[in-house]
Amino acid sequence: VDEIGNTPLVRIDDPALKPGVEIYAKCEFCNPGGSVKDRPARRMILEGLRSGDLCEGKVILDSTSGNTGIAYAMIGAALGYPVKLAMPASVTKERKAILAAYGAEVVLTDPAEGSDGAILEARKIFEEDPSAYFKPDQYNNPANWWAHRDSTAPELWEQSSHRITHLVATMGTSGTVMGTGYGLKKFNQQICIVGAEPADAFHGIEGLKHMESSI
């Protein structure tokens, strides 16, 4: 859990770029769970422990399209908490295998309903027995974006030698773009923040949301 964050920032060499333009990628796949979602998953779980909402005997429950679920499962296994996840049946077999390896219980939902279907299923499970679960609720938990405000943003600021001018991040929960953007603006109000989303509702891209048509 302590190894999450401090991922490399690498320059992308592209001869098509105009002179003076530099593009860098934050290598979030270097996190222990393999994605940027390790950061908010850790923060939400730690906040749950601090508040007492997550305590002995409770199960960590949430919806996921894969990466946050993997992070929950990894951290839950490390800290000794069982994990139950609702996720679309269309997620890759590799993600299902990783979750199984970490011991997570998975409830598969209709792939046609995408991440919204998983969100509704997790709500249903929680409402049936609220006392049994700690539900981070990644789509509504401010600790999601706090994680990026307090870690991703300062890392980018320092790794770029305070030269960063633009941030581009895709949107699912939107925690990455919101938190990192907020944090970077604290360093320099002139930094431009760009959120990228799929062009239409039936995009099939795991983890991302078409905002106009989603919950």
Protein backbone atom coordinates (compact mmCIF):
# COMPACT_ATOMS: atom_id res chain seq x y z
CA VAL A 1 0.00 0.00 0.00
CA ASP A 2 2.89 2.34 0.78
CA GLU A 3 4.29 1.79 -2.72
CA ILE A 4 1.35 3.55 -4.39
CA GLY A 5 2.23 6.81 -6.15
CA ASN A 6 5.48 8.52 -7.15
CA THR A 7 5.17 7.09 -10.65
CA PRO A 8 7.54 8.15 -13.46
CA LEU A 9 6.84 11.01 -15.86
CA VAL A 10 8.25 10.24 -19.31
CA ARG A 11 8.56 12.38 -22.41
CA ILE A 12 6.80 11.20 -25.57
CA ASP A 13 8.95 11.68 -28.64
CA ASP A 14 6.80 12.46 -31.67
CA PRO A 15 8.32 14.02 -34.80
CA ALA A 16 4.89 15.41 -35.68
CA LEU A 17 4.96 17.80 -32.72
CA LYS A 18 5.59 21.45 -33.42
CA PRO A 19 8.90 22.93 -32.22
CA GLY A 20 8.75 23.87 -28.55
CA VAL A 21 5.89 21.49 -27.74
CA GLU A 22 6.64 18.81 -25.15
CA ILE A 23 4.22 16.03 -24.21
CA TYR A 24 4.73 13.82 -21.17
CA ALA A 25 2.89 10.77 -19.86
CA LYS A 26 2.46 9.86 -16.19
CA CYS A 27 3.18 6.14 -15.94
CA GLU A 28 0.38 5.15 -13.57
CA PHE A 29 0.70 1.53 -14.69
CA CYS A 30 3.75 1.48 -12.39
CA ASN A 31 1.46 1.50 -9.35
CA PRO A 32 1.25 -1.90 -7.58
CA GLY A 33 -2.30 -2.49 -8.87
CA GLY A 34 -1.37 -1.39 -12.38
CA SER A 35 -3.38 1.82 -12.69
CA VAL A 36 -4.07 5.35 -11.49
CA LYS A 37 -7.01 3.98 -9.48
CA ASP A 38 -4.68 2.73 -6.75
CA ARG A 39 -4.46 6.30 -5.49
CA PRO A 40 -8.16 7.00 -4.82
CA ALA A 41 -8.83 3.44 -3.65
CA ARG A 42 -6.14 3.78 -0.99
CA ARG A 43 -7.36 7.22 0.08
CA MET A 44 -11.02 6.19 0.30
CA ILE A 45 -10.17 3.09 2.34
CA LEU A 46 -7.85 5.00 4.68
CA GLU A 47 -10.48 7.70 5.19
CA GLY A 48 -12.98 4.95 5.99
CA LEU A 49 -10.62 3.55 8.61
CA ARG A 50 -10.03 7.01 10.12
CA SER A 51 -13.75 7.73 10.38
CA GLY A 52 -14.59 4.29 11.74
CA ASP A 53 -16.95 3.56 8.85
CA LEU A 54 -14.63 0.71 7.88
CA CYS A 55 -14.03 -1.58 10.82
CA GLU A 56 -13.48 -5.23 11.64
CA GLY A 57 -16.14 -7.51 10.20
CA LYS A 58 -17.20 -5.21 7.37
CA VAL A 59 -16.89 -5.94 3.67
CA ILE A 60 -15.62 -3.30 1.24
CA LEU A 61 -18.34 -2.94 -1.43
CA ASP A 62 -18.44 -0.81 -4.55
CA SER A 63 -19.10 -0.78 -8.28
CA THR A 64 -16.22 -0.81 -10.75
CA SER A 65 -15.34 -1.29 -14.38
CA GLY A 66 -12.14 -3.02 -13.32
CA ASN A 67 -9.22 -0.87 -12.23
CA THR A 68 -10.67 0.58 -9.03
CA GLY A 69 -11.94 -2.88 -8.17
CA ILE A 70 -8.46 -4.32 -8.60
CA ALA A 71 -7.11 -1.60 -6.32
CA TYR A 72 -9.80 -2.29 -3.70
CA ALA A 73 -9.09 -6.01 -3.86
CA MET A 74 -5.33 -5.54 -3.57
CA ILE A 75 -5.57 -3.10 -0.65
CA GLY A 76 -8.32 -5.11 1.03
CA ALA A 77 -6.16 -8.24 0.87
CA ALA A 78 -3.18 -6.33 2.29
CA LEU A 79 -5.21 -4.90 5.18
CA GLY A 80 -7.31 -7.99 5.85
CA TYR A 81 -10.72 -6.82 4.62
CA PRO A 82 -12.91 -8.86 2.25
CA VAL A 83 -14.02 -7.10 -0.94
CA LYS A 84 -17.25 -7.44 -2.94
CA LEU A 85 -17.61 -5.75 -6.33
CA ALA A 86 -20.38 -5.16 -8.86
CA MET A 87 -19.03 -4.87 -12.39
CA PRO A 88 -20.20 -5.28 -16.00
CA ALA A 89 -19.88 -8.84 -17.30
CA SER A 90 -18.07 -7.48 -20.35
CA VAL A 91 -14.87 -6.62 -18.47
CA THR A 92 -11.79 -8.44 -19.71
CA LYS A 93 -10.99 -11.94 -18.51
CA GLU A 94 -7.63 -10.65 -17.31
CA ARG A 95 -9.31 -8.25 -14.90
CA LYS A 96 -11.60 -11.00 -13.65
CA ALA A 97 -8.57 -13.25 -13.09
CA ILE A 98 -6.71 -10.57 -11.13
CA LEU A 99 -9.73 -9.96 -8.90
CA ALA A 100 -10.06 -13.69 -8.28
CA ALA A 101 -6.37 -13.89 -7.38
CA TYR A 102 -6.87 -11.19 -4.74
CA GLY A 103 -9.88 -13.06 -3.37
CA ALA A 104 -12.57 -10.52 -4.26
CA GLU A 105 -16.21 -11.59 -4.70
CA VAL A 106 -17.57 -10.32 -8.01
CA VAL A 107 -21.22 -9.77 -8.98
CA LEU A 108 -21.49 -9.42 -12.76
CA THR A 109 -24.08 -7.05 -14.25
CA ASP A 110 -25.65 -6.62 -17.69
CA PRO A 111 -22.90 -5.36 -20.02
CA ALA A 112 -25.46 -3.35 -21.99
CA GLU A 113 -26.01 -1.19 -18.91
CA GLY A 114 -22.30 -0.42 -18.59
CA SER A 115 -20.94 1.12 -15.41
CA ASP A 116 -24.36 2.56 -14.54
CA GLY A 117 -25.74 -0.95 -14.17
CA ALA A 118 -22.91 -1.84 -11.79
CA ILE A 119 -23.54 1.33 -9.77
CA LEU A 120 -27.21 0.43 -9.32
CA GLU A 121 -26.37 -3.17 -8.37
CA ALA A 122 -23.90 -2.05 -5.70
CA ARG A 123 -26.53 0.30 -4.27
CA LYS A 124 -29.04 -2.56 -4.15
CA ILE A 125 -26.62 -4.88 -2.36
CA PHE A 126 -25.73 -2.19 0.17
CA GLU A 127 -29.36 -1.28 0.89
CA GLU A 128 -30.17 -4.93 1.66
CA ASP A 129 -27.74 -4.94 4.62
CA PRO A 130 -26.02 -1.58 5.23
CA SER A 131 -24.38 -2.69 8.48
CA ALA A 132 -22.42 -5.41 6.69
CA TYR A 133 -20.60 -3.15 4.26
CA PHE A 134 -18.27 -0.21 3.92
CA LYS A 135 -19.21 1.39 0.60
CA PRO A 136 -16.58 3.90 -0.56
CA ASP A 137 -18.86 4.97 -3.44
CA GLN A 138 -16.08 6.14 -5.73
CA TYR A 139 -18.42 8.25 -7.87
CA ASN A 140 -19.50 10.42 -4.94
CA ASN A 141 -16.67 10.21 -2.42
CA PRO A 142 -14.56 13.39 -2.18
CA ALA A 143 -11.61 11.28 -1.04
CA ASN A 144 -11.46 10.11 -4.67
CA TRP A 145 -10.32 13.49 -5.93
CA TRP A 146 -8.48 14.39 -2.73
CA ALA A 147 -6.06 11.58 -3.56
CA HIS A 148 -5.07 13.30 -6.79
CA ARG A 149 -5.03 16.78 -5.30
CA ASP A 150 -2.61 15.62 -2.62
CA SER A 151 -0.41 13.22 -4.62
CA THR A 152 -0.75 13.28 -8.41
CA ALA A 153 -0.77 17.08 -8.68
CA PRO A 154 2.32 17.81 -6.58
CA GLU A 155 4.18 14.97 -8.28
CA LEU A 156 3.45 16.45 -11.72
CA TRP A 157 4.41 19.92 -10.55
CA GLU A 158 7.79 18.77 -9.24
CA GLN A 159 8.52 16.29 -12.05
CA SER A 160 7.84 18.96 -14.66
CA SER A 161 10.16 21.39 -12.84
CA HIS A 162 7.13 23.68 -12.43
CA ARG A 163 6.83 23.97 -16.23
CA ILE A 164 3.55 22.13 -16.83
CA THR A 165 1.07 24.22 -18.86
CA HIS A 166 -1.70 21.71 -19.69
CA LEU A 167 -3.21 18.58 -18.14
CA VAL A 168 -5.29 16.14 -20.20
CA ALA A 169 -7.09 13.30 -18.42
CA THR A 170 -9.99 11.04 -19.34
CA MET A 171 -13.19 10.99 -17.28
CA GLY A 172 -14.97 8.14 -15.56
CA THR A 173 -15.55 9.14 -11.94
CA SER A 174 -13.67 12.30 -12.98
CA GLY A 175 -11.61 12.12 -9.80
CA THR A 176 -8.32 12.22 -11.69
CA VAL A 177 -9.02 15.32 -13.75
CA MET A 178 -10.83 17.14 -10.92
CA GLY A 179 -8.33 16.42 -8.17
CA THR A 180 -5.18 16.78 -10.23
CA GLY A 181 -6.55 19.88 -11.91
CA TYR A 182 -7.51 21.45 -8.59
CA GLY A 183 -4.10 20.69 -7.14
CA LEU A 184 -2.22 22.05 -10.13
CA LYS A 185 -4.27 25.25 -10.11
CA LYS A 186 -3.04 25.81 -6.54
CA PHE A 187 0.48 25.98 -7.96
CA ASN A 188 -0.37 27.97 -11.09
CA GLN A 189 -3.79 29.32 -12.02
CA GLN A 190 -2.76 29.54 -15.68
CA ILE A 191 -2.50 25.76 -16.15
CA CYS A 192 -5.17 24.56 -18.61
CA ILE A 193 -7.17 21.50 -17.52
CA VAL A 194 -8.75 19.32 -20.24
CA GLY A 195 -11.19 16.49 -19.51
CA ALA A 196 -11.66 13.93 -22.30
CA GLU A 197 -14.77 11.76 -22.63
CA PRO A 198 -16.14 9.33 -25.25
CA ALA A 199 -18.00 10.99 -28.13
CA ASP A 200 -21.18 8.94 -27.69
CA ALA A 201 -23.01 6.79 -25.16
CA PHE A 202 -22.26 3.42 -26.77
CA HIS A 203 -18.49 3.73 -26.74
CA GLY A 204 -17.48 0.43 -25.12
CA ILE A 205 -14.40 1.91 -23.45
CA GLU A 206 -13.98 0.38 -20.00
CA GLY A 207 -13.76 2.91 -17.20
CA LEU A 208 -14.87 5.98 -19.13
CA LYS A 209 -18.25 7.73 -19.15
CA HIS A 210 -20.19 9.71 -21.70
CA MET A 211 -21.31 12.32 -19.20
CA GLU A 212 -24.53 13.47 -20.84
CA SER A 213 -26.01 9.96 -20.89
CA SER A 214 -24.65 8.59 -17.59
CA ILE A 215 -25.78 8.58 -13.97
